[in-house]
Structures are given as C-alpha cells and as structure tokens.
Amino acid sequence: MAHPRTLSTRVLLICAAIGVATGLLAAVAGYVSPLVFATLPILYGLVLASHVIPGVIAQALLRLPWVALLTHLFAALIASAFAPQWIGRYLGTALLIGGLQEGVAALTRYRSWQPWRFFISAVIVGVALAVVMGFVLNAAALPLWATITLYAVLLLAPVLWTWIGLRIGVALRNAGVARTVRR
C-alpha cells in the first residue's frame, strides 16, 4: 500500500501539470493519426508510441507509486477536451500504457528508477502495440519490407519516446521541480 503522503496535493498538481502538457501532445497526435494511418501506416507507431511520455516523465520526476497512471489519466482528459471524438481511445491508451508502466515499477517495488527499468516498460509497451496494431493494420497482407518496418517502428518508437520522456523528467528533477515532494 502506498504511503498516505504519496498522493499529496503537491504530487497531484505536478501530475496534473505534466498531464496538461502531454495531453496537448496527445491531442496533436490524435489529429495527426488519421493522416499517418492513411498515408504511411508503417510509421503509425511513431505517433501512437508518443502516449508513453506522460508516465515516463511523472515516474522519472516523482519516483512514486501511481503517478504514471494518474498522469496518463490527466493527459487523456486534456486530450479529450481538444479531440472529444477520441475520448475512448485516449482513456483506453492511458489505462493500458499507464497500467503497464505502473506494473513494471511495482515489480521493482517502486525502488528502481534506473533508465533500464523505463526501457523495459517501453519494450513491453512496444510488444503490446505490435500485437494489436499488427492485426489492425493487417501486417500479414503487407510486403515483407513493410511488415519488418512496421514491427520495428512499433517496437522501437516507445523506446525513443521513453528516452525523450526520461530526458525531460530528469531535467525537471535537476531543476528542483520535485525537491519538496516526500517519498
């Protein structure tokens, strides 16, 4: 069970701020998605994987239980305000990716915050996206080069976005954003 101070007002406000910023990114991704899906579906993973960033930033910055899932939900609500037609997708993605990120952090009992732990989450998210999107995009009907590219992008894009999110989270931490948050 999480310590009572884990989700203090300060933590909630930090998660909300990250959620607003990354929710705007998710809204842009939502509007770009149909264009990429229709014209370059093998690169769709680059857009879809951007949804890992709220949880990565929150966990890298705060290093607390539940912050990934909470921040994903804030981001989904913000994105839904700008693209209400995708509220179900935003909330589903928030639960899936935020849940996977929390699950990996829970396996380490919320004690390991090294980059490798974040990249394990990214690979797990990439595998989940590859399985789902392989069916959605009918990967079996694509030429071999396109199938390989599709799966490579779906597996590697979450790693790229995780790296970006880690850089942002560490920079915020180094700037002192979470210095008064109790663990």
C-alpha atoms as a PDB file:
ATOM      1  CA  MET A   1       0.000   0.000   0.000  1.00  0.00           C
ATOM      2  CA  ALA A   2       1.250   3.477  -0.845  1.00  0.00           C
ATOM      3  CA  HIS A   3       2.297   5.821   1.922  1.00  0.00           C
ATOM      4  CA  PRO A   4      -0.505   8.303   2.763  1.00  0.00           C
ATOM      5  CA  ARG A   5       1.620  11.232   1.557  1.00  0.00           C
ATOM      6  CA  THR A   6       2.300   9.633  -1.802  1.00  0.00           C
ATOM      7  CA  LEU A   7      -0.587  11.399  -3.489  1.00  0.00           C
ATOM      8  CA  SER A   8      -0.306  14.720  -1.710  1.00  0.00           C
ATOM      9  CA  THR A   9      -1.738  17.859  -3.227  1.00  0.00           C
ATOM     10  CA  ARG A  10       1.733  18.783  -4.458  1.00  0.00           C
ATOM     11  CA  VAL A  11       2.117  15.424  -6.230  1.00  0.00           C
ATOM     12  CA  LEU A  12      -1.364  15.711  -7.743  1.00  0.00           C
ATOM     13  CA  LEU A  13      -0.587  19.205  -9.045  1.00  0.00           C
ATOM     14  CA  ILE A  14       2.691  18.063 -10.582  1.00  0.00           C
ATOM     15  CA  CYS A  15       0.919  15.113 -12.235  1.00  0.00           C
ATOM     16  CA  ALA A  16      -1.776  17.478 -13.498  1.00  0.00           C
ATOM     17  CA  ALA A  17       0.798  19.888 -14.953  1.00  0.00           C
ATOM     18  CA  ILE A  18       2.593  17.064 -16.741  1.00  0.00           C
ATOM     19  CA  GLY A  19      -0.802  15.767 -17.848  1.00  0.00           C
ATOM     20  CA  VAL A  20      -1.752  19.106 -19.369  1.00  0.00           C
ATOM     21  CA  ALA A  21       1.484  19.393 -21.346  1.00  0.00           C
ATOM     22  CA  THR A  22       1.450  15.800 -22.535  1.00  0.00           C
ATOM     23  CA  GLY A  23      -2.308  15.903 -23.106  1.00  0.00           C
ATOM     24  CA  LEU A  24      -1.737  18.660 -25.641  1.00  0.00           C
ATOM     25  CA  LEU A  25       0.844  16.415 -27.326  1.00  0.00           C
ATOM     26  CA  ALA A  26      -1.701  13.580 -27.311  1.00  0.00           C
ATOM     27  CA  ALA A  27      -4.328  15.843 -28.896  1.00  0.00           C
ATOM     28  CA  VAL A  28      -1.916  16.730 -31.697  1.00  0.00           C
ATOM     29  CA  ALA A  29      -1.094  13.032 -32.094  1.00  0.00           C
ATOM     30  CA  GLY A  30      -4.818  12.324 -32.276  1.00  0.00           C
ATOM     31  CA  TYR A  31      -5.301  14.724 -35.166  1.00  0.00           C
ATOM     32  CA  VAL A  32      -2.161  13.542 -36.977  1.00  0.00           C
ATOM     33  CA  SER A  33      -3.046   9.850 -36.515  1.00  0.00           C
ATOM     34  CA  PRO A  34      -5.638   9.519 -39.302  1.00  0.00           C
ATOM     35  CA  LEU A  35      -3.311  11.205 -41.795  1.00  0.00           C
ATOM     36  CA  VAL A  36      -0.350   8.974 -40.893  1.00  0.00           C
ATOM     37  CA  PHE A  37      -2.579   5.891 -40.681  1.00  0.00           C
ATOM     38  CA  ALA A  38      -3.959   6.575 -44.178  1.00  0.00           C
ATOM     39  CA  THR A  39      -0.733   7.609 -45.903  1.00  0.00           C
ATOM     40  CA  LEU A  40       2.162   5.894 -44.075  1.00  0.00           C
ATOM     41  CA  PRO A  41       0.665   3.233 -41.830  1.00  0.00           C
ATOM     42  CA  ILE A  42       4.047   1.560 -41.302  1.00  0.00           C
ATOM     43  CA  LEU A  43       5.137   4.718 -39.414  1.00  0.00           C
ATOM     44  CA  TYR A  44       1.984   4.915 -37.298  1.00  0.00           C
ATOM     45  CA  GLY A  45       3.881   3.534 -34.320  1.00  0.00           C
ATOM     46  CA  LEU A  46       5.830   6.793 -34.039  1.00  0.00           C
ATOM     47  CA  VAL A  47       2.599   8.667 -33.413  1.00  0.00           C
ATOM     48  CA  LEU A  48       0.961   6.003 -31.264  1.00  0.00           C
ATOM     49  CA  ALA A  49       4.001   5.490 -29.032  1.00  0.00           C
ATOM     50  CA  SER A  50       4.027   9.156 -28.042  1.00  0.00           C
ATOM     51  CA  HIS A  51       1.452   8.115 -25.454  1.00  0.00           C
ATOM     52  CA  VAL A  52       4.194   6.640 -23.234  1.00  0.00           C
ATOM     53  CA  ILE A  53       5.565  10.069 -22.386  1.00  0.00           C
ATOM     54  CA  PRO A  54       3.213  11.189 -19.540  1.00  0.00           C
ATOM     55  CA  GLY A  55       4.050   8.216 -17.333  1.00  0.00           C
ATOM     56  CA  VAL A  56       7.751   8.308 -18.092  1.00  0.00           C
ATOM     57  CA  ILE A  57       8.062  11.979 -17.164  1.00  0.00           C
ATOM     58  CA  ALA A  58       5.984  11.539 -13.998  1.00  0.00           C
ATOM     59  CA  GLN A  59       7.881   8.476 -12.802  1.00  0.00           C
ATOM     60  CA  ALA A  60      11.311   9.896 -13.655  1.00  0.00           C
ATOM     61  CA  LEU A  61      10.473  13.113 -11.834  1.00  0.00           C
ATOM     62  CA  LEU A  62       8.496  11.927  -8.806  1.00  0.00           C
ATOM     63  CA  ARG A  63       9.609   8.308  -8.301  1.00  0.00           C
ATOM     64  CA  LEU A  64       6.357   7.414  -6.571  1.00  0.00           C
ATOM     65  CA  PRO A  65       3.616   4.792  -6.965  1.00  0.00           C
ATOM     66  CA  TRP A  66       0.568   5.610  -9.103  1.00  0.00           C
ATOM     67  CA  VAL A  67       1.981   8.756 -10.709  1.00  0.00           C
ATOM     68  CA  ALA A  68       2.267   7.185 -14.185  1.00  0.00           C
ATOM     69  CA  LEU A  69      -1.343   6.056 -14.271  1.00  0.00           C
ATOM     70  CA  LEU A  70      -2.620   9.269 -12.730  1.00  0.00           C
ATOM     71  CA  THR A  71      -0.661  11.454 -15.146  1.00  0.00           C
ATOM     72  CA  HIS A  72      -1.848   9.367 -18.099  1.00  0.00           C
ATOM     73  CA  LEU A  73      -5.442   9.897 -16.995  1.00  0.00           C
ATOM     74  CA  PHE A  74      -4.915  13.661 -16.698  1.00  0.00           C
ATOM     75  CA  ALA A  75      -3.333  13.682 -20.167  1.00  0.00           C
ATOM     76  CA  ALA A  76      -6.254  11.681 -21.578  1.00  0.00           C
ATOM     77  CA  LEU A  77      -8.785  14.135 -20.147  1.00  0.00           C
ATOM     78  CA  ILE A  78      -6.898  17.126 -21.549  1.00  0.00           C
ATOM     79  CA  ALA A  79      -6.514  15.492 -24.965  1.00  0.00           C
ATOM     80  CA  SER A  80     -10.217  14.621 -24.921  1.00  0.00           C
ATOM     81  CA  ALA A  81     -11.104  18.275 -24.386  1.00  0.00           C
ATOM     82  CA  PHE A  82      -9.428  19.067 -27.718  1.00  0.00           C
ATOM     83  CA  ALA A  83     -10.466  15.890 -29.527  1.00  0.00           C
ATOM     84  CA  PRO A  84     -13.608  14.573 -27.805  1.00  0.00           C
ATOM     85  CA  GLN A  85     -14.261  12.102 -30.603  1.00  0.00           C
ATOM     86  CA  TRP A  86     -11.303  10.037 -29.322  1.00  0.00           C
ATOM     87  CA  ILE A  87     -12.067  10.059 -25.592  1.00  0.00           C
ATOM     88  CA  GLY A  88     -12.414   6.272 -25.540  1.00  0.00           C
ATOM     89  CA  ARG A  89      -9.071   5.813 -27.270  1.00  0.00           C
ATOM     90  CA  TYR A  90      -7.340   8.292 -25.005  1.00  0.00           C
ATOM     91  CA  LEU A  91      -8.714   6.712 -21.837  1.00  0.00           C
ATOM     92  CA  GLY A  92      -8.036   3.175 -23.079  1.00  0.00           C
ATOM     93  CA  THR A  93      -4.481   4.075 -24.031  1.00  0.00           C
ATOM     94  CA  ALA A  94      -3.967   5.798 -20.678  1.00  0.00           C
ATOM     95  CA  LEU A  95      -5.124   2.727 -18.796  1.00  0.00           C
ATOM     96  CA  LEU A  96      -3.119   0.321 -20.951  1.00  0.00           C
ATOM     97  CA  ILE A  97       0.179   2.180 -21.086  1.00  0.00           C
ATOM     98  CA  GLY A  98      -0.081   3.749 -17.628  1.00  0.00           C
ATOM     99  CA  GLY A  99      -1.003   0.350 -16.205  1.00  0.00           C
ATOM    100  CA  LEU A 100       1.964  -1.330 -17.895  1.00  0.00           C
ATOM    101  CA  GLN A 101       4.325   1.371 -16.615  1.00  0.00           C
ATOM    102  CA  GLU A 102       2.941   1.059 -13.086  1.00  0.00           C
ATOM    103  CA  GLY A 103       3.161  -2.718 -13.296  1.00  0.00           C
ATOM    104  CA  VAL A 104       6.852  -2.708 -14.164  1.00  0.00           C
ATOM    105  CA  ALA A 105       7.554  -0.156 -11.421  1.00  0.00           C
ATOM    106  CA  ALA A 106       5.572  -2.286  -8.947  1.00  0.00           C
ATOM    107  CA  LEU A 107       7.648  -5.345  -9.859  1.00  0.00           C
ATOM    108  CA  THR A 108      10.678  -3.445  -8.567  1.00  0.00           C
ATOM    109  CA  ARG A 109       8.593  -2.380  -5.552  1.00  0.00           C
ATOM    110  CA  TYR A 110       8.957   1.239  -6.694  1.00  0.00           C
ATOM    111  CA  ARG A 111      12.618   1.193  -5.680  1.00  0.00           C
ATOM    112  CA  SER A 112      14.433   1.071  -9.009  1.00  0.00           C
ATOM    113  CA  TRP A 113      14.399   4.228 -11.061  1.00  0.00           C
ATOM    114  CA  GLN A 114      17.364   3.475 -13.310  1.00  0.00           C
ATOM    115  CA  PRO A 115      16.879   4.020 -17.054  1.00  0.00           C
ATOM    116  CA  TRP A 116      16.874   0.258 -17.739  1.00  0.00           C
ATOM    117  CA  ARG A 117      13.606  -0.056 -15.820  1.00  0.00           C
ATOM    118  CA  PHE A 118      11.944   2.551 -18.009  1.00  0.00           C
ATOM    119  CA  PHE A 119      13.216   0.863 -21.159  1.00  0.00           C
ATOM    120  CA  ILE A 120      11.826  -2.485 -20.020  1.00  0.00           C
ATOM    121  CA  SER A 121       8.442  -0.760 -19.770  1.00  0.00           C
ATOM    122  CA  ALA A 122       8.965   0.700 -23.239  1.00  0.00           C
ATOM    123  CA  VAL A 123       9.727  -2.690 -24.775  1.00  0.00           C
ATOM    124  CA  ILE A 124       6.656  -4.227 -23.113  1.00  0.00           C
ATOM    125  CA  VAL A 125       4.510  -1.382 -24.456  1.00  0.00           C
ATOM    126  CA  GLY A 126       6.112  -1.883 -27.893  1.00  0.00           C
ATOM    127  CA  VAL A 127       5.256  -5.589 -27.870  1.00  0.00           C
ATOM    128  CA  ALA A 128       1.658  -4.808 -26.861  1.00  0.00           C
ATOM    129  CA  LEU A 129       1.374  -2.214 -29.645  1.00  0.00           C
ATOM    130  CA  ALA A 130       2.937  -4.600 -32.176  1.00  0.00           C
ATOM    131  CA  VAL A 131       0.450  -7.354 -31.361  1.00  0.00           C
ATOM    132  CA  VAL A 132      -2.597  -5.089 -31.521  1.00  0.00           C
ATOM    133  CA  MET A 133      -1.527  -2.959 -34.480  1.00  0.00           C
ATOM    134  CA  GLY A 134      -0.292  -5.985 -36.409  1.00  0.00           C
ATOM    135  CA  PHE A 135      -3.907  -7.135 -36.551  1.00  0.00           C
ATOM    136  CA  VAL A 136      -5.378  -3.659 -37.078  1.00  0.00           C
ATOM    137  CA  LEU A 137      -3.034  -2.902 -39.967  1.00  0.00           C
ATOM    138  CA  ASN A 138      -3.270  -6.446 -41.358  1.00  0.00           C
ATOM    139  CA  ALA A 139       0.507  -6.833 -41.309  1.00  0.00           C
ATOM    140  CA  ALA A 140       0.269 -10.271 -42.940  1.00  0.00           C
ATOM    141  CA  ALA A 141      -1.010  -8.653 -46.150  1.00  0.00           C
ATOM    142  CA  LEU A 142       1.894  -6.189 -46.374  1.00  0.00           C
ATOM    143  CA  PRO A 143       5.073  -6.800 -48.367  1.00  0.00           C
ATOM    144  CA  LEU A 144       7.891  -8.252 -46.264  1.00  0.00           C
ATOM    145  CA  TRP A 145       9.864  -4.980 -46.099  1.00  0.00           C
ATOM    146  CA  ALA A 146       6.758  -3.110 -44.930  1.00  0.00           C
ATOM    147  CA  THR A 147       5.959  -5.742 -42.293  1.00  0.00           C
ATOM    148  CA  ILE A 148       9.510  -5.591 -40.942  1.00  0.00           C
ATOM    149  CA  THR A 149       9.424  -1.779 -40.899  1.00  0.00           C
ATOM    150  CA  LEU A 150       6.010  -1.742 -39.227  1.00  0.00           C
ATOM    151  CA  TYR A 151       7.082  -4.058 -36.415  1.00  0.00           C
ATOM    152  CA  ALA A 152      10.463  -2.353 -35.991  1.00  0.00           C
ATOM    153  CA  VAL A 153       8.761   1.033 -35.629  1.00  0.00           C
ATOM    154  CA  LEU A 154       6.105  -0.336 -33.259  1.00  0.00           C
ATOM    155  CA  LEU A 155       8.801  -1.895 -31.062  1.00  0.00           C
ATOM    156  CA  LEU A 156      11.339   0.934 -31.178  1.00  0.00           C
ATOM    157  CA  ALA A 157       9.087   4.017 -31.086  1.00  0.00           C
ATOM    158  CA  PRO A 158       8.163   3.542 -27.400  1.00  0.00           C
ATOM    159  CA  VAL A 159      11.893   3.280 -26.642  1.00  0.00           C
ATOM    160  CA  LEU A 160      12.515   6.583 -28.449  1.00  0.00           C
ATOM    161  CA  TRP A 161       9.629   8.356 -26.676  1.00  0.00           C
ATOM    162  CA  THR A 162      10.778   6.869 -23.360  1.00  0.00           C
ATOM    163  CA  TRP A 163      14.251   8.279 -23.930  1.00  0.00           C
ATOM    164  CA  ILE A 164      12.713  11.711 -24.631  1.00  0.00           C
ATOM    165  CA  GLY A 165      10.473  11.445 -21.554  1.00  0.00           C
ATOM    166  CA  LEU A 166      13.423  10.431 -19.371  1.00  0.00           C
ATOM    167  CA  ARG A 167      15.402  13.424 -20.570  1.00  0.00           C
ATOM    168  CA  ILE A 168      12.501  15.746 -19.700  1.00  0.00           C
ATOM    169  CA  GLY A 169      11.825  14.080 -16.335  1.00  0.00           C
ATOM    170  CA  VAL A 170      15.487  14.165 -15.302  1.00  0.00           C
ATOM    171  CA  ALA A 171      15.808  17.792 -16.422  1.00  0.00           C
ATOM    172  CA  LEU A 172      12.754  18.741 -14.327  1.00  0.00           C
ATOM    173  CA  ARG A 173      14.156  16.804 -11.377  1.00  0.00           C
ATOM    174  CA  ASN A 174      17.541  18.519 -11.740  1.00  0.00           C
ATOM    175  CA  ALA A 175      15.736  21.872 -11.912  1.00  0.00           C
ATOM    176  CA  GLY A 176      14.242  21.123  -8.479  1.00  0.00           C
ATOM    177  CA  VAL A 177      10.609  20.665  -9.508  1.00  0.00           C
ATOM    178  CA  ALA A 178      10.138  17.728  -7.120  1.00  0.00           C
ATOM    179  CA  ARG A 179      12.558  18.707  -4.366  1.00  0.00           C
ATOM    180  CA  THR A 180       9.798  19.226  -1.791  1.00  0.00           C
ATOM    181  CA  VAL A 181       7.924  16.007  -2.605  1.00  0.00           C
ATOM    182  CA  ARG A 182       8.243  13.496   0.231  1.00  0.00           C
ATOM    183  CA  ARG A 183       8.894   9.858  -0.514  1.00  0.00           C
END
